[in-house]
């Protein structure tokens, strides 16, 4: 488990990358330990993610059965963790062939910590969803605006983490976005979920 100082430094480094500042990479631990420790970001993101899962589970789960809502929450958690991790596994397989193998660790470490930040950025939309249905215009607009912001920040982080110019960085960003959607839809179908995941991806 990372110390609070290590966690703060990692989050701050990812945030600086998301703001377009390349020096954020210097605050990230790019060692082998740092690579695996970066998945601790899932724990950091968990409280914000749970709020989203609860909101969606209340909306599409069985409203008259706690067990039904809890089962839906577990399935939503499985989907979002899968969307977080599985595209990275896919990138590990194609990165050497795509000429970005040397930046794979940089990207994964930065992406994990950035994803934790994104989860908290999306929290207001998840909180709104606890009180308003997703079809409500205000709830939908809030989700859309925060999602657009998160995509912009993620694109900046990807460009700097990959370090091969905007064209390659944008290609990786687009590829990971598509991979995330594919994993999302496949897992939703396998787990019987008929609504978007809690993070809105």
C-alpha atoms as a PDB file:
ATOM      1  CA  UNK A   1       0.000   0.000   0.000  1.00  0.00           C
ATOM      2  CA  UNK A   2       1.306   3.430  -0.933  1.00  0.00           C
ATOM      3  CA  UNK A   3       1.912   6.148   1.598  1.00  0.00           C
ATOM      4  CA  UNK A   4      -0.180   9.299   1.479  1.00  0.00           C
ATOM      5  CA  UNK A   5       2.843  11.262   0.199  1.00  0.00           C
ATOM      6  CA  UNK A   6       3.438   8.788  -2.631  1.00  0.00           C
ATOM      7  CA  UNK A   7      -0.239   8.814  -3.545  1.00  0.00           C
ATOM      8  CA  UNK A   8      -0.358  12.610  -3.536  1.00  0.00           C
ATOM      9  CA  UNK A   9       2.770  12.859  -5.689  1.00  0.00           C
ATOM     10  CA  UNK A  10       1.346  10.388  -8.195  1.00  0.00           C
ATOM     11  CA  UNK A  11      -1.998  12.162  -8.387  1.00  0.00           C
ATOM     12  CA  UNK A  12      -0.304  15.531  -8.690  1.00  0.00           C
ATOM     13  CA  UNK A  13       1.943  14.231 -11.463  1.00  0.00           C
ATOM     14  CA  UNK A  14      -1.028  12.849 -13.377  1.00  0.00           C
ATOM     15  CA  UNK A  15      -2.949  16.083 -12.871  1.00  0.00           C
ATOM     16  CA  UNK A  16      -0.079  18.137 -14.284  1.00  0.00           C
ATOM     17  CA  UNK A  17      -0.012  15.873 -17.327  1.00  0.00           C
ATOM     18  CA  UNK A  18      -3.753  16.378 -17.714  1.00  0.00           C
ATOM     19  CA  UNK A  19      -3.136  20.124 -17.684  1.00  0.00           C
ATOM     20  CA  UNK A  20      -0.580  19.716 -20.478  1.00  0.00           C
ATOM     21  CA  UNK A  21       2.543  20.034 -18.309  1.00  0.00           C
ATOM     22  CA  UNK A  22       5.189  17.462 -19.237  1.00  0.00           C
ATOM     23  CA  UNK A  23       7.035  17.806 -15.926  1.00  0.00           C
ATOM     24  CA  UNK A  24       4.242  15.751 -14.367  1.00  0.00           C
ATOM     25  CA  UNK A  25       6.066  12.622 -15.550  1.00  0.00           C
ATOM     26  CA  UNK A  26       8.901  13.375 -13.120  1.00  0.00           C
ATOM     27  CA  UNK A  27       6.495  12.975 -10.205  1.00  0.00           C
ATOM     28  CA  UNK A  28       5.423   9.500 -11.296  1.00  0.00           C
ATOM     29  CA  UNK A  29       7.197   6.331 -10.223  1.00  0.00           C
ATOM     30  CA  UNK A  30       7.997   4.620 -13.512  1.00  0.00           C
ATOM     31  CA  UNK A  31       9.846   1.686 -11.951  1.00  0.00           C
ATOM     32  CA  UNK A  32       8.479  -1.860 -11.957  1.00  0.00           C
ATOM     33  CA  UNK A  33       7.117  -1.283  -8.446  1.00  0.00           C
ATOM     34  CA  UNK A  34       5.634   2.018  -9.549  1.00  0.00           C
ATOM     35  CA  UNK A  35       3.902   0.274 -12.440  1.00  0.00           C
ATOM     36  CA  UNK A  36       2.109  -2.213 -10.204  1.00  0.00           C
ATOM     37  CA  UNK A  37       1.546   0.324  -7.419  1.00  0.00           C
ATOM     38  CA  UNK A  38      -0.260   2.585  -9.882  1.00  0.00           C
ATOM     39  CA  UNK A  39      -3.188   0.157  -9.818  1.00  0.00           C
ATOM     40  CA  UNK A  40      -3.745   1.367  -6.250  1.00  0.00           C
ATOM     41  CA  UNK A  41      -5.448   4.231  -8.080  1.00  0.00           C
ATOM     42  CA  UNK A  42      -8.472   1.935  -8.345  1.00  0.00           C
ATOM     43  CA  UNK A  43      -8.745   2.058  -4.549  1.00  0.00           C
ATOM     44  CA  UNK A  44      -8.370   5.844  -4.617  1.00  0.00           C
ATOM     45  CA  UNK A  45     -11.171   6.073  -7.177  1.00  0.00           C
ATOM     46  CA  UNK A  46     -13.425   3.561  -5.408  1.00  0.00           C
ATOM     47  CA  UNK A  47     -15.451   5.958  -3.206  1.00  0.00           C
ATOM     48  CA  UNK A  48     -16.401   8.111  -6.205  1.00  0.00           C
ATOM     49  CA  UNK A  49     -17.101   5.063  -8.348  1.00  0.00           C
ATOM     50  CA  UNK A  50     -19.307   3.510  -5.661  1.00  0.00           C
ATOM     51  CA  UNK A  51     -21.564   6.562  -5.665  1.00  0.00           C
ATOM     52  CA  UNK A  52     -22.049   6.090  -9.401  1.00  0.00           C
ATOM     53  CA  UNK A  53     -22.703   2.374  -9.051  1.00  0.00           C
ATOM     54  CA  UNK A  54     -25.303   2.980  -6.343  1.00  0.00           C
ATOM     55  CA  UNK A  55     -27.096   5.554  -8.470  1.00  0.00           C
ATOM     56  CA  UNK A  56     -27.271   3.284 -11.507  1.00  0.00           C
ATOM     57  CA  UNK A  57     -28.178   0.221  -9.409  1.00  0.00           C
ATOM     58  CA  UNK A  58     -31.060   2.137  -7.835  1.00  0.00           C
ATOM     59  CA  UNK A  59     -32.227   3.229 -11.275  1.00  0.00           C
ATOM     60  CA  UNK A  60     -32.080  -0.046 -13.215  1.00  0.00           C
ATOM     61  CA  UNK A  61     -32.002  -2.674 -10.462  1.00  0.00           C
ATOM     62  CA  UNK A  62     -35.100  -4.201  -8.869  1.00  0.00           C
ATOM     63  CA  UNK A  63     -36.451  -1.306  -6.758  1.00  0.00           C
ATOM     64  CA  UNK A  64     -38.285  -3.701  -4.451  1.00  0.00           C
ATOM     65  CA  UNK A  65     -35.387  -6.021  -3.677  1.00  0.00           C
ATOM     66  CA  UNK A  66     -32.164  -5.096  -1.911  1.00  0.00           C
ATOM     67  CA  UNK A  67     -30.547  -8.266  -3.248  1.00  0.00           C
ATOM     68  CA  UNK A  68     -31.412  -7.227  -6.786  1.00  0.00           C
ATOM     69  CA  UNK A  69     -29.884  -3.772  -6.364  1.00  0.00           C
ATOM     70  CA  UNK A  70     -26.788  -5.213  -4.661  1.00  0.00           C
ATOM     71  CA  UNK A  71     -26.346  -7.737  -7.462  1.00  0.00           C
ATOM     72  CA  UNK A  72     -26.582  -4.918 -10.001  1.00  0.00           C
ATOM     73  CA  UNK A  73     -24.010  -2.892  -8.043  1.00  0.00           C
ATOM     74  CA  UNK A  74     -21.550  -5.803  -8.138  1.00  0.00           C
ATOM     75  CA  UNK A  75     -22.089  -6.210 -11.870  1.00  0.00           C
ATOM     76  CA  UNK A  76     -21.562  -2.500 -12.466  1.00  0.00           C
ATOM     77  CA  UNK A  77     -18.349  -2.649 -10.442  1.00  0.00           C
ATOM     78  CA  UNK A  78     -17.161  -5.601 -12.516  1.00  0.00           C
ATOM     79  CA  UNK A  79     -17.868  -3.700 -15.735  1.00  0.00           C
ATOM     80  CA  UNK A  80     -16.050  -0.535 -14.686  1.00  0.00           C
ATOM     81  CA  UNK A  81     -13.002  -2.394 -13.342  1.00  0.00           C
ATOM     82  CA  UNK A  82     -12.932  -4.383 -16.579  1.00  0.00           C
ATOM     83  CA  UNK A  83     -13.131  -1.180 -18.626  1.00  0.00           C
ATOM     84  CA  UNK A  84     -10.249   0.193 -16.545  1.00  0.00           C
ATOM     85  CA  UNK A  85      -7.910  -2.813 -16.779  1.00  0.00           C
ATOM     86  CA  UNK A  86      -8.640  -4.852 -19.905  1.00  0.00           C
ATOM     87  CA  UNK A  87      -7.804  -2.142 -22.495  1.00  0.00           C
ATOM     88  CA  UNK A  88      -4.405  -1.792 -20.795  1.00  0.00           C
ATOM     89  CA  UNK A  89      -3.856  -5.519 -21.246  1.00  0.00           C
ATOM     90  CA  UNK A  90      -4.712  -5.118 -24.920  1.00  0.00           C
ATOM     91  CA  UNK A  91      -2.297  -2.192 -25.229  1.00  0.00           C
ATOM     92  CA  UNK A  92       0.459  -4.330 -23.697  1.00  0.00           C
ATOM     93  CA  UNK A  93       0.024  -6.759 -26.580  1.00  0.00           C
ATOM     94  CA  UNK A  94       0.077  -4.191 -29.385  1.00  0.00           C
ATOM     95  CA  UNK A  95       2.419  -1.511 -27.972  1.00  0.00           C
ATOM     96  CA  UNK A  96       5.683  -3.130 -29.185  1.00  0.00           C
ATOM     97  CA  UNK A  97       4.280  -3.565 -32.702  1.00  0.00           C
ATOM     98  CA  UNK A  98       2.986   0.010 -32.690  1.00  0.00           C
ATOM     99  CA  UNK A  99       6.391   1.412 -31.798  1.00  0.00           C
ATOM    100  CA  UNK A 100       5.372   2.673 -28.368  1.00  0.00           C
ATOM    101  CA  UNK A 101       6.612  -0.225 -26.262  1.00  0.00           C
ATOM    102  CA  UNK A 102       9.166   2.043 -24.600  1.00  0.00           C
ATOM    103  CA  UNK A 103       6.387   4.324 -23.363  1.00  0.00           C
ATOM    104  CA  UNK A 104       3.962   1.629 -22.244  1.00  0.00           C
ATOM    105  CA  UNK A 105       4.893   1.919 -18.568  1.00  0.00           C
ATOM    106  CA  UNK A 106       4.723   5.712 -18.733  1.00  0.00           C
ATOM    107  CA  UNK A 107       1.239   5.517 -20.197  1.00  0.00           C
ATOM    108  CA  UNK A 108      -0.120   2.901 -17.788  1.00  0.00           C
ATOM    109  CA  UNK A 109       1.168   4.677 -14.682  1.00  0.00           C
ATOM    110  CA  UNK A 110      -0.105   8.056 -15.860  1.00  0.00           C
ATOM    111  CA  UNK A 111      -3.393   6.590 -17.081  1.00  0.00           C
ATOM    112  CA  UNK A 112      -4.136   4.774 -13.832  1.00  0.00           C
ATOM    113  CA  UNK A 113      -3.651   7.854 -11.695  1.00  0.00           C
ATOM    114  CA  UNK A 114      -5.459  10.050 -14.212  1.00  0.00           C
ATOM    115  CA  UNK A 115      -8.398   7.619 -14.173  1.00  0.00           C
ATOM    116  CA  UNK A 116      -8.672   8.069 -10.409  1.00  0.00           C
ATOM    117  CA  UNK A 117      -8.856  11.828 -10.919  1.00  0.00           C
ATOM    118  CA  UNK A 118     -11.470  11.397 -13.654  1.00  0.00           C
ATOM    119  CA  UNK A 119     -13.599   9.292 -11.299  1.00  0.00           C
ATOM    120  CA  UNK A 120     -13.687  12.182  -8.840  1.00  0.00           C
ATOM    121  CA  UNK A 121     -14.316  14.722 -11.598  1.00  0.00           C
ATOM    122  CA  UNK A 122     -17.377  12.683 -12.584  1.00  0.00           C
ATOM    123  CA  UNK A 123     -18.614  12.512  -8.974  1.00  0.00           C
ATOM    124  CA  UNK A 124     -20.968  15.536  -9.235  1.00  0.00           C
ATOM    125  CA  UNK A 125     -22.795  13.835 -12.100  1.00  0.00           C
ATOM    126  CA  UNK A 126     -23.048  10.638 -10.046  1.00  0.00           C
ATOM    127  CA  UNK A 127     -24.414  12.579  -7.058  1.00  0.00           C
ATOM    128  CA  UNK A 128     -26.999  14.274  -9.265  1.00  0.00           C
ATOM    129  CA  UNK A 129     -28.031  10.868 -10.541  1.00  0.00           C
ATOM    130  CA  UNK A 130     -28.829   9.777  -6.980  1.00  0.00           C
ATOM    131  CA  UNK A 131     -31.654  12.326  -6.923  1.00  0.00           C
ATOM    132  CA  UNK A 132     -32.585  12.789 -10.569  1.00  0.00           C
ATOM    133  CA  UNK A 133     -33.098  10.175 -13.308  1.00  0.00           C
ATOM    134  CA  UNK A 134     -30.464  10.042 -16.044  1.00  0.00           C
ATOM    135  CA  UNK A 135     -33.133  11.175 -18.512  1.00  0.00           C
ATOM    136  CA  UNK A 136     -33.497  14.490 -16.666  1.00  0.00           C
ATOM    137  CA  UNK A 137     -32.133  17.289 -18.871  1.00  0.00           C
ATOM    138  CA  UNK A 138     -29.997  18.805 -16.109  1.00  0.00           C
ATOM    139  CA  UNK A 139     -28.528  15.431 -15.131  1.00  0.00           C
ATOM    140  CA  UNK A 140     -27.811  14.582 -18.769  1.00  0.00           C
ATOM    141  CA  UNK A 141     -26.167  17.965 -19.419  1.00  0.00           C
ATOM    142  CA  UNK A 142     -23.995  17.727 -16.305  1.00  0.00           C
ATOM    143  CA  UNK A 143     -22.848  14.240 -17.293  1.00  0.00           C
ATOM    144  CA  UNK A 144     -22.118  15.347 -20.855  1.00  0.00           C
ATOM    145  CA  UNK A 145     -20.086  18.405 -19.828  1.00  0.00           C
ATOM    146  CA  UNK A 146     -18.040  16.497 -17.260  1.00  0.00           C
ATOM    147  CA  UNK A 147     -17.468  13.675 -19.727  1.00  0.00           C
ATOM    148  CA  UNK A 148     -16.224  16.156 -22.359  1.00  0.00           C
ATOM    149  CA  UNK A 149     -13.890  17.700 -19.791  1.00  0.00           C
ATOM    150  CA  UNK A 150     -12.558  14.296 -18.768  1.00  0.00           C
ATOM    151  CA  UNK A 151     -11.896  13.331 -22.394  1.00  0.00           C
ATOM    152  CA  UNK A 152      -9.966  16.563 -22.999  1.00  0.00           C
ATOM    153  CA  UNK A 153      -7.827  16.013 -19.913  1.00  0.00           C
ATOM    154  CA  UNK A 154      -7.241  12.368 -20.801  1.00  0.00           C
ATOM    155  CA  UNK A 155      -6.171  13.319 -24.340  1.00  0.00           C
ATOM    156  CA  UNK A 156      -3.583  15.729 -22.960  1.00  0.00           C
ATOM    157  CA  UNK A 157      -2.274  13.114 -20.524  1.00  0.00           C
ATOM    158  CA  UNK A 158      -2.043  10.518 -23.302  1.00  0.00           C
ATOM    159  CA  UNK A 159      -0.073  12.801 -25.621  1.00  0.00           C
ATOM    160  CA  UNK A 160       2.501  13.597 -22.961  1.00  0.00           C
ATOM    161  CA  UNK A 161       2.741  10.071 -21.573  1.00  0.00           C
ATOM    162  CA  UNK A 162       3.247   8.542 -25.033  1.00  0.00           C
ATOM    163  CA  UNK A 163       5.705  11.298 -25.993  1.00  0.00           C
ATOM    164  CA  UNK A 164       5.603  10.615 -29.727  1.00  0.00           C
ATOM    165  CA  UNK A 165       3.780  13.716 -30.900  1.00  0.00           C
ATOM    166  CA  UNK A 166       0.116  14.649 -31.169  1.00  0.00           C
ATOM    167  CA  UNK A 167      -0.636  12.290 -34.069  1.00  0.00           C
ATOM    168  CA  UNK A 168       0.583   9.151 -32.291  1.00  0.00           C
ATOM    169  CA  UNK A 169      -0.817  10.299 -28.963  1.00  0.00           C
ATOM    170  CA  UNK A 170      -4.206  10.950 -30.525  1.00  0.00           C
ATOM    171  CA  UNK A 171      -4.142   7.532 -32.208  1.00  0.00           C
ATOM    172  CA  UNK A 172      -3.455   5.856 -28.850  1.00  0.00           C
ATOM    173  CA  UNK A 173      -6.184   7.940 -27.217  1.00  0.00           C
ATOM    174  CA  UNK A 174      -8.694   6.970 -29.907  1.00  0.00           C
ATOM    175  CA  UNK A 175      -7.658   3.323 -29.802  1.00  0.00           C
ATOM    176  CA  UNK A 176      -7.994   3.111 -26.030  1.00  0.00           C
ATOM    177  CA  UNK A 177     -11.365   4.871 -26.168  1.00  0.00           C
ATOM    178  CA  UNK A 178     -12.673   2.396 -28.725  1.00  0.00           C
ATOM    179  CA  UNK A 179     -11.227  -0.527 -26.752  1.00  0.00           C
ATOM    180  CA  UNK A 180     -12.957   0.765 -23.615  1.00  0.00           C
ATOM    181  CA  UNK A 181     -16.292   0.946 -25.445  1.00  0.00           C
ATOM    182  CA  UNK A 182     -15.877  -2.588 -26.775  1.00  0.00           C
ATOM    183  CA  UNK A 183     -15.083  -3.938 -23.298  1.00  0.00           C
ATOM    184  CA  UNK A 184     -17.980  -1.937 -21.859  1.00  0.00           C
ATOM    185  CA  UNK A 185     -20.561  -3.291 -24.296  1.00  0.00           C
ATOM    186  CA  UNK A 186     -19.279  -6.868 -24.112  1.00  0.00           C
ATOM    187  CA  UNK A 187     -19.262  -6.955 -20.318  1.00  0.00           C
ATOM    188  CA  UNK A 188     -22.664  -5.290 -20.110  1.00  0.00           C
ATOM    189  CA  UNK A 189     -24.079  -7.915 -22.470  1.00  0.00           C
ATOM    190  CA  UNK A 190     -22.433 -10.780 -20.585  1.00  0.00           C
ATOM    191  CA  UNK A 191     -23.646  -9.488 -17.214  1.00  0.00           C
ATOM    192  CA  UNK A 192     -27.140  -8.519 -18.358  1.00  0.00           C
ATOM    193  CA  UNK A 193     -26.825  -4.780 -17.881  1.00  0.00           C
ATOM    194  CA  UNK A 194     -28.909  -2.669 -20.219  1.00  0.00           C
ATOM    195  CA  UNK A 195     -27.694   0.809 -19.222  1.00  0.00           C
ATOM    196  CA  UNK A 196     -24.406   2.732 -19.404  1.00  0.00           C
ATOM    197  CA  UNK A 197     -21.800   2.153 -16.718  1.00  0.00           C
ATOM    198  CA  UNK A 198     -21.581   4.364 -13.673  1.00  0.00           C
ATOM    199  CA  UNK A 199     -18.663   6.341 -15.049  1.00  0.00           C
ATOM    200  CA  UNK A 200     -20.553   7.179 -18.212  1.00  0.00           C
ATOM    201  CA  UNK A 201     -17.951   5.633 -20.524  1.00  0.00           C
END
